[in-house]
Protein backbone atom coordinates (compact mmCIF):
# COMPACT_ATOMS: atom_id res chain seq x y z
CA UNK A 1 0.00 0.00 0.00
CA UNK A 2 1.21 3.49 -0.78
CA UNK A 3 0.09 6.32 1.47
CA UNK A 4 -0.48 9.52 -0.44
CA UNK A 5 -0.31 12.66 1.67
CA UNK A 6 -3.23 14.91 0.92
CA UNK A 7 -1.84 18.44 0.72
CA UNK A 8 -4.97 19.83 2.32
CA UNK A 9 -4.56 17.93 5.59
CA UNK A 10 -2.16 20.52 7.01
CA UNK A 11 -4.68 23.30 6.34
CA UNK A 12 -7.50 21.15 7.73
CA UNK A 13 -5.50 20.53 10.91
CA UNK A 14 -4.91 24.27 11.38
CA UNK A 15 -8.61 25.05 10.91
CA UNK A 16 -9.62 22.20 13.22
CA UNK A 17 -7.19 23.38 15.92
CA UNK A 18 -8.57 26.91 15.73
CA UNK A 19 -12.05 25.48 16.22
CA UNK A 20 -10.91 23.39 19.18
CA UNK A 21 -11.16 20.16 17.18
CA UNK A 22 -8.59 17.47 16.51
CA UNK A 23 -7.91 14.70 14.06
CA UNK A 24 -9.72 11.48 14.94
CA UNK A 25 -8.48 9.15 12.23
CA UNK A 26 -7.72 8.55 8.61
CA UNK A 27 -9.53 7.13 5.61
CA UNK A 28 -8.21 4.59 3.15
CA UNK A 29 -9.99 3.00 0.19
CA UNK A 30 -10.33 -0.45 -1.29
CA UNK A 31 -12.06 -1.34 -4.56
CA UNK A 32 -14.43 -3.89 -2.97
CA UNK A 33 -15.38 -5.15 0.51
CA UNK A 34 -13.17 -7.93 1.80
CA UNK A 35 -10.20 -7.18 -0.42
CA UNK A 36 -7.64 -7.56 2.35
CA UNK A 37 -9.26 -5.07 4.70
CA UNK A 38 -6.15 -4.64 6.85
CA UNK A 39 -2.93 -6.28 5.76
CA UNK A 40 0.27 -6.11 7.82
CA UNK A 41 1.36 -2.82 6.22
CA UNK A 42 -2.07 -1.27 6.90
CA UNK A 43 -1.90 -2.37 10.54
CA UNK A 44 1.50 -0.70 10.94
CA UNK A 45 0.25 2.45 9.17
CA UNK A 46 -2.77 2.54 11.49
CA UNK A 47 -0.50 1.97 14.51
CA UNK A 48 1.76 4.85 13.42
CA UNK A 49 -1.21 7.18 13.09
CA UNK A 50 -2.67 6.06 16.43
CA UNK A 51 0.74 6.61 18.07
CA UNK A 52 0.98 10.07 16.53
CA UNK A 53 -2.56 11.31 17.25
CA UNK A 54 -3.66 9.14 20.17
CA UNK A 55 -5.19 5.75 20.76
CA UNK A 56 -8.64 7.12 19.99
CA UNK A 57 -7.78 7.44 16.28
CA UNK A 58 -9.72 5.25 13.91
CA UNK A 59 -8.94 3.76 10.52
CA UNK A 60 -11.91 4.01 8.18
CA UNK A 61 -11.91 1.82 5.08
CA UNK A 62 -14.21 2.96 2.30
CA UNK A 63 -15.12 0.43 -0.39
CA UNK A 64 -18.06 -0.87 -2.42
CA UNK A 65 -20.27 -3.83 -1.58
CA UNK A 66 -21.31 -6.54 -4.03
CA UNK A 67 -24.04 -4.24 -5.42
CA UNK A 68 -21.61 -1.37 -5.94
CA UNK A 69 -22.94 0.73 -3.06
CA UNK A 70 -20.43 2.55 -0.85
CA UNK A 71 -19.68 0.97 2.50
CA UNK A 72 -17.39 1.77 5.40
CA UNK A 73 -15.60 -0.34 7.98
CA UNK A 74 -13.92 1.17 11.06
CA UNK A 75 -10.86 -0.33 12.74
CA UNK A 76 -8.50 0.39 15.58
CA UNK A 77 -5.29 -1.54 16.14
CA UNK A 78 -4.38 -2.96 19.52
CA UNK A 79 -2.05 -1.38 22.06
CA UNK A 80 0.34 -4.24 21.26
CA UNK A 81 0.44 -3.24 17.57
CA UNK A 82 1.01 0.38 18.62
CA UNK A 83 3.90 -0.68 20.85
CA UNK A 84 5.46 -2.80 18.11
CA UNK A 85 5.32 0.09 15.65
CA UNK A 86 6.58 2.59 18.22
CA UNK A 87 9.53 0.35 19.07
CA UNK A 88 10.43 -0.14 15.39
CA UNK A 89 9.52 -3.82 15.30
CA UNK A 90 6.80 -3.60 12.67
C-alpha atoms as a PDB file:
ATOM      1  CA  UNK A   1       0.000   0.000   0.000  1.00  0.00           C
ATOM      2  CA  UNK A   2       1.209   3.486  -0.780  1.00  0.00           C
ATOM      3  CA  UNK A   3       0.094   6.317   1.466  1.00  0.00           C
ATOM      4  CA  UNK A   4      -0.483   9.523  -0.439  1.00  0.00           C
ATOM      5  CA  UNK A   5      -0.311  12.664   1.669  1.00  0.00           C
ATOM      6  CA  UNK A   6      -3.230  14.909   0.923  1.00  0.00           C
ATOM      7  CA  UNK A   7      -1.837  18.437   0.716  1.00  0.00           C
ATOM      8  CA  UNK A   8      -4.970  19.832   2.321  1.00  0.00           C
ATOM      9  CA  UNK A   9      -4.557  17.926   5.592  1.00  0.00           C
ATOM     10  CA  UNK A  10      -2.163  20.518   7.013  1.00  0.00           C
ATOM     11  CA  UNK A  11      -4.679  23.299   6.342  1.00  0.00           C
ATOM     12  CA  UNK A  12      -7.499  21.148   7.726  1.00  0.00           C
ATOM     13  CA  UNK A  13      -5.498  20.527  10.910  1.00  0.00           C
ATOM     14  CA  UNK A  14      -4.911  24.271  11.383  1.00  0.00           C
ATOM     15  CA  UNK A  15      -8.606  25.045  10.912  1.00  0.00           C
ATOM     16  CA  UNK A  16      -9.620  22.202  13.225  1.00  0.00           C
ATOM     17  CA  UNK A  17      -7.192  23.378  15.919  1.00  0.00           C
ATOM     18  CA  UNK A  18      -8.566  26.913  15.726  1.00  0.00           C
ATOM     19  CA  UNK A  19     -12.051  25.485  16.221  1.00  0.00           C
ATOM     20  CA  UNK A  20     -10.906  23.391  19.177  1.00  0.00           C
ATOM     21  CA  UNK A  21     -11.162  20.163  17.184  1.00  0.00           C
ATOM     22  CA  UNK A  22      -8.590  17.467  16.512  1.00  0.00           C
ATOM     23  CA  UNK A  23      -7.911  14.696  14.062  1.00  0.00           C
ATOM     24  CA  UNK A  24      -9.724  11.480  14.936  1.00  0.00           C
ATOM     25  CA  UNK A  25      -8.480   9.147  12.230  1.00  0.00           C
ATOM     26  CA  UNK A  26      -7.722   8.549   8.613  1.00  0.00           C
ATOM     27  CA  UNK A  27      -9.533   7.133   5.610  1.00  0.00           C
ATOM     28  CA  UNK A  28      -8.211   4.593   3.148  1.00  0.00           C
ATOM     29  CA  UNK A  29      -9.991   3.004   0.192  1.00  0.00           C
ATOM     30  CA  UNK A  30     -10.328  -0.455  -1.289  1.00  0.00           C
ATOM     31  CA  UNK A  31     -12.059  -1.344  -4.562  1.00  0.00           C
ATOM     32  CA  UNK A  32     -14.428  -3.894  -2.965  1.00  0.00           C
ATOM     33  CA  UNK A  33     -15.378  -5.146   0.507  1.00  0.00           C
ATOM     34  CA  UNK A  34     -13.174  -7.933   1.804  1.00  0.00           C
ATOM     35  CA  UNK A  35     -10.201  -7.183  -0.421  1.00  0.00           C
ATOM     36  CA  UNK A  36      -7.640  -7.559   2.345  1.00  0.00           C
ATOM     37  CA  UNK A  37      -9.264  -5.069   4.702  1.00  0.00           C
ATOM     38  CA  UNK A  38      -6.153  -4.640   6.849  1.00  0.00           C
ATOM     39  CA  UNK A  39      -2.933  -6.283   5.757  1.00  0.00           C
ATOM     40  CA  UNK A  40       0.273  -6.107   7.817  1.00  0.00           C
ATOM     41  CA  UNK A  41       1.360  -2.817   6.220  1.00  0.00           C
ATOM     42  CA  UNK A  42      -2.070  -1.272   6.902  1.00  0.00           C
ATOM     43  CA  UNK A  43      -1.902  -2.374  10.541  1.00  0.00           C
ATOM     44  CA  UNK A  44       1.498  -0.703  10.938  1.00  0.00           C
ATOM     45  CA  UNK A  45       0.251   2.452   9.171  1.00  0.00           C
ATOM     46  CA  UNK A  46      -2.766   2.541  11.486  1.00  0.00           C
ATOM     47  CA  UNK A  47      -0.500   1.970  14.507  1.00  0.00           C
ATOM     48  CA  UNK A  48       1.757   4.847  13.416  1.00  0.00           C
ATOM     49  CA  UNK A  49      -1.215   7.184  13.088  1.00  0.00           C
ATOM     50  CA  UNK A  50      -2.669   6.063  16.429  1.00  0.00           C
ATOM     51  CA  UNK A  51       0.736   6.606  18.066  1.00  0.00           C
ATOM     52  CA  UNK A  52       0.979  10.068  16.531  1.00  0.00           C
ATOM     53  CA  UNK A  53      -2.558  11.314  17.250  1.00  0.00           C
ATOM     54  CA  UNK A  54      -3.658   9.136  20.168  1.00  0.00           C
ATOM     55  CA  UNK A  55      -5.186   5.751  20.760  1.00  0.00           C
ATOM     56  CA  UNK A  56      -8.645   7.118  19.986  1.00  0.00           C
ATOM     57  CA  UNK A  57      -7.777   7.444  16.280  1.00  0.00           C
ATOM     58  CA  UNK A  58      -9.721   5.254  13.910  1.00  0.00           C
ATOM     59  CA  UNK A  59      -8.936   3.761  10.518  1.00  0.00           C
ATOM     60  CA  UNK A  60     -11.911   4.008   8.184  1.00  0.00           C
ATOM     61  CA  UNK A  61     -11.911   1.824   5.082  1.00  0.00           C
ATOM     62  CA  UNK A  62     -14.213   2.961   2.295  1.00  0.00           C
ATOM     63  CA  UNK A  63     -15.124   0.425  -0.387  1.00  0.00           C
ATOM     64  CA  UNK A  64     -18.056  -0.875  -2.420  1.00  0.00           C
ATOM     65  CA  UNK A  65     -20.271  -3.832  -1.582  1.00  0.00           C
ATOM     66  CA  UNK A  66     -21.314  -6.540  -4.032  1.00  0.00           C
ATOM     67  CA  UNK A  67     -24.037  -4.238  -5.417  1.00  0.00           C
ATOM     68  CA  UNK A  68     -21.608  -1.367  -5.944  1.00  0.00           C
ATOM     69  CA  UNK A  69     -22.935   0.733  -3.064  1.00  0.00           C
ATOM     70  CA  UNK A  70     -20.430   2.549  -0.846  1.00  0.00           C
ATOM     71  CA  UNK A  71     -19.681   0.966   2.498  1.00  0.00           C
ATOM     72  CA  UNK A  72     -17.395   1.767   5.399  1.00  0.00           C
ATOM     73  CA  UNK A  73     -15.603  -0.336   7.981  1.00  0.00           C
ATOM     74  CA  UNK A  74     -13.924   1.166  11.055  1.00  0.00           C
ATOM     75  CA  UNK A  75     -10.860  -0.327  12.741  1.00  0.00           C
ATOM     76  CA  UNK A  76      -8.501   0.387  15.582  1.00  0.00           C
ATOM     77  CA  UNK A  77      -5.287  -1.544  16.136  1.00  0.00           C
ATOM     78  CA  UNK A  78      -4.378  -2.959  19.522  1.00  0.00           C
ATOM     79  CA  UNK A  79      -2.047  -1.382  22.057  1.00  0.00           C
ATOM     80  CA  UNK A  80       0.343  -4.239  21.259  1.00  0.00           C
ATOM     81  CA  UNK A  81       0.442  -3.239  17.570  1.00  0.00           C
ATOM     82  CA  UNK A  82       1.007   0.384  18.617  1.00  0.00           C
ATOM     83  CA  UNK A  83       3.899  -0.683  20.852  1.00  0.00           C
ATOM     84  CA  UNK A  84       5.462  -2.801  18.105  1.00  0.00           C
ATOM     85  CA  UNK A  85       5.320   0.090  15.654  1.00  0.00           C
ATOM     86  CA  UNK A  86       6.578   2.595  18.223  1.00  0.00           C
ATOM     87  CA  UNK A  87       9.533   0.350  19.071  1.00  0.00           C
ATOM     88  CA  UNK A  88      10.431  -0.136  15.393  1.00  0.00           C
ATOM     89  CA  UNK A  89       9.524  -3.818  15.297  1.00  0.00           C
ATOM     90  CA  UNK A  90       6.796  -3.595  12.671  1.00  0.00           C
END
